[in-house]
Amino acid sequence: MIDNEFIEAVASQAGLPAETVAAHEERAPSLMERLVRTLATASPEMFVPAGSTDEEPTEAQIVKVTARVIAEAAQHGRVVLVGRGAQAVLASAGSDEALHVWVVAPRAARLATLMKRLNLDEKAAATTMDDTEANRDRYVQRWHGRRRQDPANYHLAVNTGFVGYEGAADLVVSAARQRGWGSA
């Protein structure tokens, strides 16, 4: 599962609590800038134009590194990649060794989960959810030319409001086994 490991690695390298990273990384550009600076330290050739060391990385460079991390993670065997346009990156690479799953739930269920997880009132949770989803939609559209919420981008759509989290996991495992991925 790359999502949580990624958050923990970013938190460690950026000197932030994991909860802060999880709550803000997909919608706060400043955290992404900090992440890129951290990555740039390890691989400056990926970010810094020849002869310049003071320039901030561009969003295009961030997207390029993200796509590279997704592709490398997928090459190392069976992994679960959450968000960051992974479905678009892997589809663009022509990978048929992926199972793209769209996890959905009714708005009320998503809102209740967010209120509980982030300890927010309903209005703040709604604003957070709407802003986060709009940012994700814009990101996938801008950088991958796809509508994130288009069911055609996925092999399977699972409604956790109907089947619950365990039921969703069972359906995904079943689909992976149907693809011949052993004891998925």
N, C-alpha and C. Protein backbone atom coordinates (compact mmCIF):
# COMPACT_ATOMS: atom_id res chain seq x y z
N MET A 1 0.85 -1.17 0.00
CA MET A 1 0.00 0.00 0.00
C MET A 1 0.89 1.23 0.00
N ILE A 2 0.99 1.90 -1.10
CA ILE A 2 1.92 3.00 -1.25
C ILE A 2 1.42 4.28 -0.57
N ASP A 3 0.14 4.53 -0.52
CA ASP A 3 -0.38 5.78 0.01
C ASP A 3 0.13 6.08 1.42
N ASN A 4 -0.10 5.18 2.36
CA ASN A 4 0.30 5.44 3.74
C ASN A 4 1.81 5.44 3.91
N GLU A 5 2.52 4.55 3.23
CA GLU A 5 3.97 4.53 3.31
C GLU A 5 4.54 5.83 2.75
N PHE A 6 3.94 6.31 1.67
CA PHE A 6 4.38 7.56 1.06
C PHE A 6 4.20 8.70 2.05
N ILE A 7 3.04 8.76 2.70
CA ILE A 7 2.76 9.82 3.67
C ILE A 7 3.77 9.77 4.81
N GLU A 8 4.06 8.58 5.32
CA GLU A 8 5.01 8.45 6.42
C GLU A 8 6.41 8.87 6.00
N ALA A 9 6.81 8.51 4.78
CA ALA A 9 8.14 8.90 4.30
C ALA A 9 8.23 10.41 4.13
N VAL A 10 7.20 11.01 3.56
CA VAL A 10 7.18 12.46 3.39
C VAL A 10 7.23 13.14 4.74
N ALA A 11 6.43 12.66 5.67
CA ALA A 11 6.40 13.27 7.01
C ALA A 11 7.77 13.20 7.66
N SER A 12 8.41 12.05 7.57
CA SER A 12 9.73 11.88 8.17
C SER A 12 10.75 12.82 7.55
N GLN A 13 10.77 12.87 6.22
CA GLN A 13 11.75 13.70 5.53
C GLN A 13 11.48 15.19 5.68
N ALA A 14 10.19 15.56 5.79
CA ALA A 14 9.84 16.97 5.90
C ALA A 14 9.80 17.45 7.35
N GLY A 15 9.95 16.51 8.30
CA GLY A 15 9.91 16.88 9.71
C GLY A 15 8.53 17.28 10.18
N LEU A 16 7.49 16.63 9.63
CA LEU A 16 6.10 16.94 9.98
C LEU A 16 5.42 15.71 10.56
N PRO A 17 4.38 15.90 11.36
CA PRO A 17 3.60 14.75 11.83
C PRO A 17 2.87 14.10 10.65
N ALA A 18 2.75 12.78 10.66
CA ALA A 18 2.07 12.06 9.58
C ALA A 18 0.63 12.54 9.42
N GLU A 19 -0.03 12.89 10.52
CA GLU A 19 -1.40 13.36 10.45
C GLU A 19 -1.51 14.66 9.64
N THR A 20 -0.53 15.52 9.79
CA THR A 20 -0.52 16.78 9.04
C THR A 20 -0.36 16.50 7.55
N VAL A 21 0.54 15.60 7.22
CA VAL A 21 0.75 15.25 5.81
C VAL A 21 -0.50 14.63 5.23
N ALA A 22 -1.10 13.68 5.94
CA ALA A 22 -2.30 13.01 5.43
C ALA A 22 -3.45 13.99 5.24
N ALA A 23 -3.56 14.94 6.12
CA ALA A 23 -4.68 15.89 6.05
C ALA A 23 -4.49 16.93 4.96
N HIS A 24 -3.25 17.23 4.59
CA HIS A 24 -3.02 18.37 3.71
C HIS A 24 -2.32 18.07 2.40
N GLU A 25 -1.68 16.93 2.23
CA GLU A 25 -0.79 16.79 1.08
C GLU A 25 -1.46 16.86 -0.27
N GLU A 26 -2.69 16.45 -0.44
CA GLU A 26 -3.28 16.48 -1.77
C GLU A 26 -3.87 17.84 -2.11
N ARG A 27 -4.00 18.73 -1.14
CA ARG A 27 -4.62 20.01 -1.46
C ARG A 27 -3.77 21.20 -1.05
N ALA A 28 -2.60 21.00 -0.50
CA ALA A 28 -1.78 22.12 -0.07
C ALA A 28 -0.50 22.18 -0.88
N PRO A 29 -0.41 23.09 -1.83
CA PRO A 29 0.79 23.18 -2.66
C PRO A 29 2.07 23.37 -1.85
N SER A 30 2.00 24.06 -0.72
CA SER A 30 3.22 24.29 0.04
C SER A 30 3.84 22.99 0.53
N LEU A 31 3.02 22.02 0.88
CA LEU A 31 3.57 20.73 1.29
C LEU A 31 4.20 20.03 0.10
N MET A 32 3.57 20.11 -1.08
CA MET A 32 4.16 19.50 -2.26
C MET A 32 5.49 20.17 -2.59
N GLU A 33 5.56 21.46 -2.41
CA GLU A 33 6.83 22.14 -2.64
C GLU A 33 7.89 21.62 -1.67
N ARG A 34 7.51 21.43 -0.42
CA ARG A 34 8.46 20.89 0.55
C ARG A 34 8.88 19.47 0.17
N LEU A 35 7.93 18.68 -0.29
CA LEU A 35 8.25 17.32 -0.72
C LEU A 35 9.24 17.35 -1.88
N VAL A 36 8.99 18.20 -2.84
CA VAL A 36 9.88 18.27 -4.00
C VAL A 36 11.26 18.74 -3.59
N ARG A 37 11.34 19.70 -2.67
CA ARG A 37 12.65 20.12 -2.20
C ARG A 37 13.39 18.96 -1.56
N THR A 38 12.68 18.14 -0.80
CA THR A 38 13.29 16.98 -0.17
C THR A 38 13.77 16.00 -1.23
N LEU A 39 12.90 15.71 -2.22
CA LEU A 39 13.30 14.82 -3.30
C LEU A 39 14.45 15.40 -4.11
N ALA A 40 14.45 16.71 -4.30
CA ALA A 40 15.50 17.36 -5.08
C ALA A 40 16.86 17.21 -4.42
N THR A 41 16.87 17.12 -3.11
CA THR A 41 18.13 16.91 -2.41
C THR A 41 18.74 15.56 -2.79
N ALA A 42 17.87 14.56 -2.93
CA ALA A 42 18.35 13.22 -3.28
C ALA A 42 18.67 13.08 -4.76
N SER A 43 17.90 13.76 -5.62
CA SER A 43 18.09 13.65 -7.07
C SER A 43 18.01 15.03 -7.72
N PRO A 44 18.99 15.88 -7.48
CA PRO A 44 18.90 17.24 -7.99
C PRO A 44 18.83 17.32 -9.51
N GLU A 45 19.39 16.36 -10.19
CA GLU A 45 19.36 16.40 -11.66
C GLU A 45 17.95 16.32 -12.21
N MET A 46 17.01 15.80 -11.42
CA MET A 46 15.63 15.70 -11.87
C MET A 46 14.93 17.06 -11.84
N PHE A 47 15.42 17.98 -11.02
CA PHE A 47 14.69 19.21 -10.76
C PHE A 47 15.39 20.48 -11.22
N VAL A 48 16.68 20.52 -11.11
CA VAL A 48 17.40 21.77 -11.28
C VAL A 48 17.96 21.88 -12.69
N PRO A 49 17.57 22.92 -13.42
CA PRO A 49 18.16 23.12 -14.73
C PRO A 49 19.66 23.33 -14.60
N ALA A 50 20.41 22.91 -15.61
CA ALA A 50 21.86 23.05 -15.57
C ALA A 50 22.23 24.49 -15.27
N GLY A 51 23.16 24.68 -14.33
CA GLY A 51 23.66 26.00 -13.99
C GLY A 51 22.82 26.76 -12.98
N SER A 52 21.69 26.22 -12.53
CA SER A 52 20.84 26.95 -11.59
C SER A 52 20.53 26.07 -10.39
N THR A 53 20.71 26.63 -9.20
CA THR A 53 20.41 25.85 -8.00
C THR A 53 19.37 26.54 -7.11
N ASP A 54 18.93 27.75 -7.48
CA ASP A 54 18.02 28.50 -6.62
C ASP A 54 16.57 28.47 -7.08
N GLU A 55 16.26 27.86 -8.21
CA GLU A 55 14.90 27.87 -8.72
C GLU A 55 14.02 26.85 -8.01
N GLU A 56 12.78 27.27 -7.75
CA GLU A 56 11.78 26.35 -7.20
C GLU A 56 11.38 25.36 -8.29
N PRO A 57 11.10 24.12 -7.93
CA PRO A 57 10.63 23.17 -8.94
C PRO A 57 9.26 23.59 -9.46
N THR A 58 9.02 23.32 -10.73
CA THR A 58 7.73 23.66 -11.32
C THR A 58 6.74 22.54 -11.06
N GLU A 59 5.47 22.87 -11.25
CA GLU A 59 4.43 21.84 -11.10
C GLU A 59 4.66 20.71 -12.09
N ALA A 60 5.11 21.04 -13.29
CA ALA A 60 5.38 20.00 -14.30
C ALA A 60 6.46 19.05 -13.81
N GLN A 61 7.48 19.57 -13.14
CA GLN A 61 8.52 18.71 -12.60
C GLN A 61 7.98 17.82 -11.49
N ILE A 62 7.09 18.38 -10.66
CA ILE A 62 6.47 17.58 -9.59
C ILE A 62 5.67 16.44 -10.20
N VAL A 63 4.90 16.75 -11.24
CA VAL A 63 4.09 15.72 -11.90
C VAL A 63 4.99 14.65 -12.51
N LYS A 64 6.09 15.06 -13.11
CA LYS A 64 7.02 14.11 -13.73
C LYS A 64 7.61 13.15 -12.67
N VAL A 65 8.00 13.70 -11.54
CA VAL A 65 8.54 12.86 -10.47
C VAL A 65 7.46 11.93 -9.92
N THR A 66 6.26 12.46 -9.75
CA THR A 66 5.16 11.63 -9.26
C THR A 66 4.91 10.47 -10.21
N ALA A 67 4.88 10.75 -11.50
CA ALA A 67 4.66 9.68 -12.49
C ALA A 67 5.79 8.65 -12.44
N ARG A 68 7.00 9.12 -12.24
CA ARG A 68 8.14 8.20 -12.15
C ARG A 68 8.03 7.31 -10.91
N VAL A 69 7.64 7.91 -9.79
CA VAL A 69 7.49 7.12 -8.55
C VAL A 69 6.39 6.07 -8.73
N ILE A 70 5.28 6.46 -9.36
CA ILE A 70 4.18 5.52 -9.60
C ILE A 70 4.65 4.38 -10.49
N ALA A 71 5.33 4.70 -11.59
CA ALA A 71 5.80 3.67 -12.52
C ALA A 71 6.80 2.74 -11.85
N GLU A 72 7.71 3.29 -11.07
CA GLU A 72 8.70 2.46 -10.37
C GLU A 72 8.04 1.56 -9.33
N ALA A 73 7.08 2.10 -8.61
CA ALA A 73 6.38 1.29 -7.61
C ALA A 73 5.66 0.13 -8.28
N ALA A 74 5.02 0.41 -9.42
CA ALA A 74 4.27 -0.64 -10.13
C ALA A 74 5.19 -1.72 -10.68
N GLN A 75 6.43 -1.38 -10.99
CA GLN A 75 7.38 -2.36 -11.52
C GLN A 75 7.88 -3.33 -10.47
N HIS A 76 7.70 -3.01 -9.21
CA HIS A 76 8.23 -3.85 -8.14
C HIS A 76 7.23 -4.86 -7.61
N GLY A 77 6.24 -5.20 -8.40
CA GLY A 77 5.29 -6.22 -7.98
C GLY A 77 3.95 -5.64 -7.65
N ARG A 78 3.13 -6.42 -6.99
CA ARG A 78 1.76 -6.03 -6.68
C ARG A 78 1.75 -4.99 -5.57
N VAL A 79 1.26 -3.81 -5.91
CA VAL A 79 1.14 -2.71 -4.95
C VAL A 79 -0.21 -2.05 -5.12
N VAL A 80 -0.64 -1.37 -4.10
CA VAL A 80 -1.85 -0.57 -4.16
C VAL A 80 -1.40 0.89 -4.19
N LEU A 81 -1.76 1.58 -5.26
CA LEU A 81 -1.41 2.98 -5.42
C LEU A 81 -2.69 3.79 -5.26
N VAL A 82 -2.68 4.72 -4.34
CA VAL A 82 -3.89 5.49 -4.05
C VAL A 82 -3.69 6.93 -4.52
N GLY A 83 -4.54 7.36 -5.44
CA GLY A 83 -4.55 8.74 -5.88
C GLY A 83 -3.38 9.14 -6.75
N ARG A 84 -3.13 10.43 -6.80
CA ARG A 84 -2.04 11.04 -7.55
C ARG A 84 -2.10 10.73 -9.03
N GLY A 85 -3.30 10.40 -9.56
CA GLY A 85 -3.46 10.12 -10.98
C GLY A 85 -2.85 8.79 -11.41
N ALA A 86 -2.66 7.87 -10.47
CA ALA A 86 -2.00 6.60 -10.79
C ALA A 86 -2.73 5.85 -11.90
N GLN A 87 -4.07 5.89 -11.89
CA GLN A 87 -4.80 5.19 -12.94
C GLN A 87 -4.47 5.75 -14.31
N ALA A 88 -4.30 7.05 -14.40
CA ALA A 88 -3.97 7.69 -15.67
C ALA A 88 -2.53 7.44 -16.06
N VAL A 89 -1.62 7.52 -15.10
CA VAL A 89 -0.20 7.28 -15.38
C VAL A 89 0.01 5.87 -15.92
N LEU A 90 -0.56 4.89 -15.24
CA LEU A 90 -0.36 3.50 -15.66
C LEU A 90 -1.08 3.19 -16.97
N ALA A 91 -2.26 3.77 -17.17
CA ALA A 91 -2.97 3.57 -18.44
C ALA A 91 -2.19 4.19 -19.59
N SER A 92 -1.62 5.37 -19.38
CA SER A 92 -0.83 6.03 -20.42
C SER A 92 0.43 5.25 -20.76
N ALA A 93 0.95 4.54 -19.77
CA ALA A 93 2.15 3.73 -20.00
C ALA A 93 1.82 2.43 -20.71
N GLY A 94 0.53 2.17 -20.93
CA GLY A 94 0.12 0.95 -21.61
C GLY A 94 0.17 -0.28 -20.74
N SER A 95 0.20 -0.10 -19.44
CA SER A 95 0.27 -1.23 -18.53
C SER A 95 -1.07 -1.95 -18.44
N ASP A 96 -1.06 -3.23 -18.78
CA ASP A 96 -2.28 -4.01 -18.58
C ASP A 96 -2.11 -4.91 -17.37
N GLU A 97 -1.09 -4.64 -16.60
CA GLU A 97 -0.84 -5.35 -15.35
C GLU A 97 -1.33 -4.52 -14.17
N ALA A 98 -2.44 -3.84 -14.36
CA ALA A 98 -3.00 -3.00 -13.30
C ALA A 98 -4.50 -3.24 -13.22
N LEU A 99 -5.02 -3.06 -12.05
CA LEU A 99 -6.45 -3.12 -11.82
C LEU A 99 -6.85 -1.76 -11.26
N HIS A 100 -7.54 -0.98 -12.08
CA HIS A 100 -7.93 0.38 -11.68
C HIS A 100 -9.30 0.31 -11.02
N VAL A 101 -9.35 0.72 -9.75
CA VAL A 101 -10.58 0.64 -8.97
C VAL A 101 -11.00 2.05 -8.55
N TRP A 102 -12.26 2.38 -8.81
CA TRP A 102 -12.83 3.65 -8.40
C TRP A 102 -13.68 3.37 -7.17
N VAL A 103 -13.28 3.93 -6.05
CA VAL A 103 -13.99 3.73 -4.80
C VAL A 103 -14.90 4.95 -4.60
N VAL A 104 -16.20 4.69 -4.49
CA VAL A 104 -17.18 5.76 -4.36
C VAL A 104 -18.03 5.52 -3.12
N ALA A 105 -18.76 6.55 -2.74
CA ALA A 105 -19.74 6.45 -1.66
C ALA A 105 -20.65 7.66 -1.79
N PRO A 106 -21.85 7.57 -1.26
CA PRO A 106 -22.74 8.74 -1.28
C PRO A 106 -22.10 9.91 -0.54
N ARG A 107 -22.45 11.11 -0.96
CA ARG A 107 -21.88 12.32 -0.37
C ARG A 107 -22.04 12.32 1.16
N ALA A 108 -23.22 11.95 1.64
CA ALA A 108 -23.45 11.98 3.09
C ALA A 108 -22.49 11.04 3.83
N ALA A 109 -22.21 9.89 3.25
CA ALA A 109 -21.29 8.94 3.88
C ALA A 109 -19.87 9.47 3.86
N ARG A 110 -19.45 10.06 2.75
CA ARG A 110 -18.10 10.64 2.66
C ARG A 110 -17.96 11.80 3.65
N LEU A 111 -18.99 12.60 3.75
CA LEU A 111 -18.97 13.74 4.66
C LEU A 111 -18.86 13.27 6.11
N ALA A 112 -19.64 12.28 6.48
CA ALA A 112 -19.60 11.75 7.86
C ALA A 112 -18.21 11.19 8.19
N THR A 113 -17.62 10.48 7.24
CA THR A 113 -16.28 9.93 7.45
C THR A 113 -15.26 11.04 7.64
N LEU A 114 -15.33 12.06 6.81
CA LEU A 114 -14.38 13.17 6.91
C LEU A 114 -14.55 13.93 8.22
N MET A 115 -15.78 14.15 8.64
CA MET A 115 -16.03 14.84 9.91
C MET A 115 -15.39 14.06 11.06
N LYS A 116 -15.53 12.76 11.04
CA LYS A 116 -14.98 11.93 12.11
C LYS A 116 -13.46 11.88 12.05
N ARG A 117 -12.90 11.65 10.87
CA ARG A 117 -11.45 11.51 10.74
C ARG A 117 -10.69 12.78 11.06
N LEU A 118 -11.24 13.93 10.64
CA LEU A 118 -10.53 15.20 10.84
C LEU A 118 -11.11 16.05 11.96
N ASN A 119 -12.11 15.50 12.64
CA ASN A 119 -12.76 16.21 13.75
C ASN A 119 -13.23 17.60 13.30
N LEU A 120 -14.02 17.62 12.21
CA LEU A 120 -14.53 18.87 11.65
C LEU A 120 -16.04 18.93 11.80
N ASP A 121 -16.57 20.16 11.83
CA ASP A 121 -18.01 20.29 11.78
C ASP A 121 -18.46 20.06 10.33
N GLU A 122 -19.75 19.97 10.12
CA GLU A 122 -20.26 19.61 8.79
C GLU A 122 -19.87 20.62 7.71
N LYS A 123 -19.94 21.90 8.04
CA LYS A 123 -19.61 22.93 7.04
C LYS A 123 -18.14 22.86 6.66
N ALA A 124 -17.25 22.76 7.63
CA ALA A 124 -15.82 22.68 7.35
C ALA A 124 -15.49 21.41 6.58
N ALA A 125 -16.12 20.31 6.95
CA ALA A 125 -15.88 19.05 6.25
C ALA A 125 -16.35 19.13 4.81
N ALA A 126 -17.50 19.75 4.58
CA ALA A 126 -18.02 19.89 3.21
C ALA A 126 -17.09 20.74 2.37
N THR A 127 -16.60 21.83 2.94
CA THR A 127 -15.67 22.70 2.21
C THR A 127 -14.38 21.95 1.89
N THR A 128 -13.85 21.25 2.88
CA THR A 128 -12.62 20.47 2.68
C THR A 128 -12.82 19.42 1.60
N MET A 129 -13.92 18.68 1.67
CA MET A 129 -14.20 17.63 0.70
C MET A 129 -14.36 18.20 -0.70
N ASP A 130 -15.15 19.26 -0.83
CA ASP A 130 -15.38 19.85 -2.15
C ASP A 130 -14.09 20.41 -2.75
N ASP A 131 -13.29 21.09 -1.94
CA ASP A 131 -12.02 21.64 -2.42
C ASP A 131 -11.06 20.52 -2.84
N THR A 132 -10.95 19.49 -2.01
CA THR A 132 -10.05 18.38 -2.31
C THR A 132 -10.46 17.67 -3.59
N GLU A 133 -11.75 17.38 -3.74
CA GLU A 133 -12.21 16.69 -4.94
C GLU A 133 -12.03 17.55 -6.18
N ALA A 134 -12.29 18.86 -6.07
CA ALA A 134 -12.09 19.76 -7.22
C ALA A 134 -10.62 19.81 -7.61
N ASN A 135 -9.72 19.88 -6.62
CA ASN A 135 -8.29 19.89 -6.91
C ASN A 135 -7.85 18.58 -7.57
N ARG A 136 -8.35 17.47 -7.10
CA ARG A 136 -8.01 16.18 -7.72
C ARG A 136 -8.52 16.12 -9.15
N ASP A 137 -9.75 16.58 -9.37
CA ASP A 137 -10.31 16.59 -10.72
C ASP A 137 -9.46 17.45 -11.66
N ARG A 138 -9.11 18.66 -11.20
CA ARG A 138 -8.29 19.56 -12.02
C ARG A 138 -6.93 18.94 -12.32
N TYR A 139 -6.31 18.33 -11.34
CA TYR A 139 -4.98 17.72 -11.50
C TYR A 139 -5.01 16.65 -12.59
N VAL A 140 -5.94 15.72 -12.49
CA VAL A 140 -6.01 14.63 -13.46
C VAL A 140 -6.34 15.18 -14.84
N GLN A 141 -7.25 16.14 -14.93
CA GLN A 141 -7.60 16.73 -16.22
C GLN A 141 -6.41 17.46 -16.83
N ARG A 142 -5.78 18.29 -16.04
CA ARG A 142 -4.67 19.11 -16.57
C ARG A 142 -3.48 18.27 -16.99
N TRP A 143 -3.07 17.34 -16.15
CA TRP A 143 -1.82 16.64 -16.39
C TRP A 143 -1.97 15.33 -17.14
N HIS A 144 -3.18 14.78 -17.16
CA HIS A 144 -3.36 13.48 -17.82
C HIS A 144 -4.47 13.49 -18.86
N GLY A 145 -5.15 14.63 -19.01
CA GLY A 145 -6.17 14.76 -20.04
C GLY A 145 -7.36 13.83 -19.86
N ARG A 146 -7.67 13.50 -18.62
CA ARG A 146 -8.78 12.60 -18.31
C ARG A 146 -9.69 13.21 -17.27
N ARG A 147 -10.94 12.79 -17.32
CA ARG A 147 -11.87 13.15 -16.25
C ARG A 147 -11.72 12.09 -15.17
N ARG A 148 -11.29 12.51 -14.00
CA ARG A 148 -11.02 11.57 -12.90
C ARG A 148 -12.24 10.72 -12.57
N GLN A 149 -13.43 11.31 -12.65
CA GLN A 149 -14.63 10.59 -12.23
C GLN A 149 -15.30 9.81 -13.36
N ASP A 150 -14.65 9.71 -14.50
CA ASP A 150 -15.21 8.96 -15.62
C ASP A 150 -15.04 7.47 -15.34
N PRO A 151 -16.15 6.72 -15.23
CA PRO A 151 -16.04 5.29 -14.93
C PRO A 151 -15.24 4.50 -15.97
N ALA A 152 -15.13 5.04 -17.18
CA ALA A 152 -14.36 4.35 -18.23
C ALA A 152 -12.87 4.28 -17.90
N ASN A 153 -12.40 5.07 -16.95
CA ASN A 153 -10.98 5.04 -16.55
C ASN A 153 -10.67 3.88 -15.60
N TYR A 154 -11.68 3.14 -15.21
CA TYR A 154 -11.51 2.12 -14.18
C TYR A 154 -12.05 0.79 -14.65
N HIS A 155 -11.46 -0.28 -14.13
CA HIS A 155 -11.95 -1.62 -14.41
C HIS A 155 -13.13 -1.98 -13.51
N LEU A 156 -13.17 -1.36 -12.35
CA LEU A 156 -14.15 -1.72 -11.33
C LEU A 156 -14.51 -0.48 -10.52
N ALA A 157 -15.79 -0.30 -10.25
CA ALA A 157 -16.25 0.76 -9.35
C ALA A 157 -16.91 0.08 -8.16
N VAL A 158 -16.54 0.51 -6.97
CA VAL A 158 -17.05 -0.10 -5.74
C VAL A 158 -17.64 0.98 -4.85
N ASN A 159 -18.89 0.80 -4.45
CA ASN A 159 -19.58 1.76 -3.60
C ASN A 159 -19.51 1.29 -2.15
N THR A 160 -18.64 1.95 -1.38
CA THR A 160 -18.48 1.55 0.03
C THR A 160 -19.70 1.90 0.86
N GLY A 161 -20.53 2.81 0.38
CA GLY A 161 -21.78 3.11 1.08
C GLY A 161 -22.74 1.94 1.01
N PHE A 162 -22.60 1.11 0.00
CA PHE A 162 -23.46 -0.05 -0.18
C PHE A 162 -22.83 -1.33 0.37
N VAL A 163 -21.55 -1.57 0.05
CA VAL A 163 -20.91 -2.84 0.46
C VAL A 163 -19.98 -2.71 1.66
N GLY A 164 -19.72 -1.48 2.13
CA GLY A 164 -18.81 -1.29 3.25
C GLY A 164 -17.36 -1.45 2.81
N TYR A 165 -16.44 -1.15 3.73
CA TYR A 165 -15.01 -1.22 3.41
C TYR A 165 -14.56 -2.67 3.22
N GLU A 166 -14.99 -3.56 4.10
CA GLU A 166 -14.59 -4.96 3.96
C GLU A 166 -15.16 -5.58 2.70
N GLY A 167 -16.41 -5.26 2.39
CA GLY A 167 -17.03 -5.77 1.17
C GLY A 167 -16.30 -5.25 -0.06
N ALA A 168 -15.89 -3.99 -0.03
CA ALA A 168 -15.13 -3.41 -1.13
C ALA A 168 -13.80 -4.13 -1.29
N ALA A 169 -13.12 -4.36 -0.17
CA ALA A 169 -11.84 -5.08 -0.23
C ALA A 169 -12.04 -6.49 -0.80
N ASP A 170 -13.10 -7.17 -0.40
CA ASP A 170 -13.37 -8.51 -0.93
C ASP A 170 -13.58 -8.47 -2.44
N LEU A 171 -14.32 -7.47 -2.92
CA LEU A 171 -14.56 -7.36 -4.36
C LEU A 171 -13.27 -7.09 -5.13
N VAL A 172 -12.42 -6.25 -4.59
CA VAL A 172 -11.15 -5.95 -5.25
C VAL A 172 -10.26 -7.19 -5.27
N VAL A 173 -10.18 -7.89 -4.16
CA VAL A 173 -9.37 -9.12 -4.11
C VAL A 173 -9.92 -10.14 -5.11
N SER A 174 -11.23 -10.28 -5.17
CA SER A 174 -11.83 -11.21 -6.12
C SER A 174 -11.47 -10.83 -7.56
N ALA A 175 -11.54 -9.56 -7.88
CA ALA A 175 -11.19 -9.11 -9.23
C ALA A 175 -9.70 -9.37 -9.53
N ALA A 176 -8.85 -9.16 -8.55
CA ALA A 176 -7.43 -9.43 -8.74
C ALA A 176 -7.18 -10.91 -8.97
N ARG A 177 -7.86 -11.74 -8.23
CA ARG A 177 -7.71 -13.20 -8.41
C ARG A 177 -8.21 -13.63 -9.80
N GLN A 178 -9.29 -13.00 -10.27
CA GLN A 178 -9.79 -13.31 -11.61
C GLN A 178 -8.77 -12.96 -12.68
N ARG A 179 -7.92 -12.00 -12.39
CA ARG A 179 -6.86 -11.64 -13.33
C ARG A 179 -5.68 -12.60 -13.24
N GLY A 180 -5.77 -13.56 -12.32
CA GLY A 180 -4.71 -14.54 -12.18
C GLY A 180 -3.57 -14.09 -11.30
N TRP A 181 -3.85 -13.19 -10.39
CA TRP A 181 -2.80 -12.66 -9.53
C TRP A 181 -2.71 -13.42 -8.22
N GLY A 182 -2.80 -14.72 -8.30
CA GLY A 182 -2.57 -15.59 -7.15
C GLY A 182 -3.42 -15.28 -5.95
N SER A 183 -2.79 -15.23 -4.82
CA SER A 183 -3.52 -15.06 -3.56
C SER A 183 -3.66 -13.59 -3.21
N ALA A 184 -3.73 -12.72 -4.20
CA ALA A 184 -3.86 -11.27 -4.08
C ALA A 184 -4.16 -10.75 -2.72
